[in-house]
Amino acid sequence: MSNEQRALTPFETSVCAALQVVGVTIASLAPERRADMEEVVTKLIKALPADQSIYGGRSEHHIALESLIAGIFPERNK
């Protein structure tokens, strides 16, 4: 496995952006369930490899799920 880090592709960037929108929608429909949703997504992240293949040391296996959490908790993005 290469130690080189790469930038996100335009497709990956758009998927992450779409998942943030989905997260915002979920959060607005069920704000009382945000912590439960975060727990499930965090478990998924922990179950997937953390390969640090994306520029900045992020894992390509985690970026979409991290975007979903960012949408569920927009107040954290300030």
C-alpha atoms as a PDB file:
ATOM      1  CA  MET A   1       0.000   0.000   0.000  1.00  0.00           C
ATOM      2  CA  SER A   2       1.301   3.430  -0.934  1.00  0.00           C
ATOM      3  CA  ASN A   3       1.916   6.125   1.646  1.00  0.00           C
ATOM      4  CA  GLU A   4       0.954   8.818  -0.858  1.00  0.00           C
ATOM      5  CA  GLN A   5      -2.054  10.924  -0.028  1.00  0.00           C
ATOM      6  CA  ARG A   6      -4.409  12.117  -2.719  1.00  0.00           C
ATOM      7  CA  ALA A   7      -6.983  14.853  -3.090  1.00  0.00           C
ATOM      8  CA  LEU A   8     -10.677  14.059  -3.276  1.00  0.00           C
ATOM      9  CA  THR A   9     -12.070  13.587  -6.750  1.00  0.00           C
ATOM     10  CA  PRO A  10     -14.886  15.890  -7.858  1.00  0.00           C
ATOM     11  CA  PHE A  11     -17.280  12.948  -7.544  1.00  0.00           C
ATOM     12  CA  GLU A  12     -16.180  12.225  -3.969  1.00  0.00           C
ATOM     13  CA  THR A  13     -16.545  15.883  -3.092  1.00  0.00           C
ATOM     14  CA  SER A  14     -20.088  15.987  -4.481  1.00  0.00           C
ATOM     15  CA  VAL A  15     -21.045  12.791  -2.625  1.00  0.00           C
ATOM     16  CA  CYS A  16     -19.773  14.302   0.632  1.00  0.00           C
ATOM     17  CA  ALA A  17     -21.707  17.512  -0.038  1.00  0.00           C
ATOM     18  CA  ALA A  18     -24.880  15.543  -0.778  1.00  0.00           C
ATOM     19  CA  LEU A  19     -24.485  13.563   2.427  1.00  0.00           C
ATOM     20  CA  GLN A  20     -24.174  16.774   4.420  1.00  0.00           C
ATOM     21  CA  VAL A  21     -27.507  17.894   2.946  1.00  0.00           C
ATOM     22  CA  VAL A  22     -29.028  14.522   3.858  1.00  0.00           C
ATOM     23  CA  GLY A  23     -27.654  14.897   7.387  1.00  0.00           C
ATOM     24  CA  VAL A  24     -29.153  18.371   7.768  1.00  0.00           C
ATOM     25  CA  THR A  25     -32.511  17.043   6.590  1.00  0.00           C
ATOM     26  CA  ILE A  26     -32.393  14.100   8.981  1.00  0.00           C
ATOM     27  CA  ALA A  27     -31.433  16.378  11.855  1.00  0.00           C
ATOM     28  CA  SER A  28     -34.281  18.782  11.152  1.00  0.00           C
ATOM     29  CA  LEU A  29     -36.849  15.989  10.965  1.00  0.00           C
ATOM     30  CA  ALA A  30     -35.691  14.174  14.095  1.00  0.00           C
ATOM     31  CA  PRO A  31     -33.499  16.450  16.231  1.00  0.00           C
ATOM     32  CA  GLU A  32     -34.063  14.292  19.311  1.00  0.00           C
ATOM     33  CA  ARG A  33     -32.465  11.329  17.484  1.00  0.00           C
ATOM     34  CA  ARG A  34     -29.239  13.062  16.447  1.00  0.00           C
ATOM     35  CA  ALA A  35     -27.142  11.430  19.170  1.00  0.00           C
ATOM     36  CA  ASP A  36     -28.484   7.987  18.231  1.00  0.00           C
ATOM     37  CA  MET A  37     -27.654   8.604  14.581  1.00  0.00           C
ATOM     38  CA  GLU A  38     -24.167   9.760  15.468  1.00  0.00           C
ATOM     39  CA  GLU A  39     -23.599   6.627  17.528  1.00  0.00           C
ATOM     40  CA  VAL A  40     -24.522   4.371  14.608  1.00  0.00           C
ATOM     41  CA  VAL A  41     -22.391   6.307  12.124  1.00  0.00           C
ATOM     42  CA  THR A  42     -19.446   6.369  14.543  1.00  0.00           C
ATOM     43  CA  LYS A  43     -19.667   2.574  14.893  1.00  0.00           C
ATOM     44  CA  LEU A  44     -19.552   2.272  11.104  1.00  0.00           C
ATOM     45  CA  ILE A  45     -16.519   4.548  10.935  1.00  0.00           C
ATOM     46  CA  LYS A  46     -14.709   2.477  13.566  1.00  0.00           C
ATOM     47  CA  ALA A  47     -15.504  -0.730  11.649  1.00  0.00           C
ATOM     48  CA  LEU A  48     -13.931   0.571   8.425  1.00  0.00           C
ATOM     49  CA  PRO A  49     -10.199   0.878   7.733  1.00  0.00           C
ATOM     50  CA  ALA A  50      -8.520   4.153   8.661  1.00  0.00           C
ATOM     51  CA  ASP A  51      -6.037   4.285   5.803  1.00  0.00           C
ATOM     52  CA  GLN A  52      -5.171   8.024   5.809  1.00  0.00           C
ATOM     53  CA  SER A  53      -5.112   7.945   2.003  1.00  0.00           C
ATOM     54  CA  ILE A  54      -6.762  11.335   1.531  1.00  0.00           C
ATOM     55  CA  TYR A  55      -4.754  14.553   1.694  1.00  0.00           C
ATOM     56  CA  GLY A  56      -4.696  15.785   5.282  1.00  0.00           C
ATOM     57  CA  GLY A  57      -4.584  12.266   6.687  1.00  0.00           C
ATOM     58  CA  ARG A  58      -8.264  11.454   6.268  1.00  0.00           C
ATOM     59  CA  SER A  59      -9.444   7.969   5.337  1.00  0.00           C
ATOM     60  CA  GLU A  60     -11.236   7.425   2.069  1.00  0.00           C
ATOM     61  CA  HIS A  61     -13.351   4.893   3.956  1.00  0.00           C
ATOM     62  CA  HIS A  62     -14.570   7.554   6.393  1.00  0.00           C
ATOM     63  CA  ILE A  63     -15.106  10.764   4.416  1.00  0.00           C
ATOM     64  CA  ALA A  64     -18.700  10.101   3.370  1.00  0.00           C
ATOM     65  CA  LEU A  65     -19.763   9.101   6.891  1.00  0.00           C
ATOM     66  CA  GLU A  66     -17.933  12.080   8.393  1.00  0.00           C
ATOM     67  CA  SER A  67     -19.851  14.309   5.978  1.00  0.00           C
ATOM     68  CA  LEU A  68     -23.125  12.792   7.144  1.00  0.00           C
ATOM     69  CA  ILE A  69     -22.229  13.566  10.774  1.00  0.00           C
ATOM     70  CA  ALA A  70     -21.245  17.107   9.761  1.00  0.00           C
ATOM     71  CA  GLY A  71     -24.730  17.541   8.313  1.00  0.00           C
ATOM     72  CA  ILE A  72     -26.443  16.079  11.368  1.00  0.00           C
ATOM     73  CA  PHE A  73     -24.506  18.499  13.595  1.00  0.00           C
ATOM     74  CA  PRO A  74     -24.103  21.695  11.534  1.00  0.00           C
ATOM     75  CA  GLU A  75     -23.368  23.711  14.683  1.00  0.00           C
ATOM     76  CA  ARG A  76     -20.038  21.873  14.962  1.00  0.00           C
ATOM     77  CA  ASN A  77     -18.907  23.193  11.576  1.00  0.00           C
ATOM     78  CA  LYS A  78     -18.457  26.776  12.703  1.00  0.00           C
END
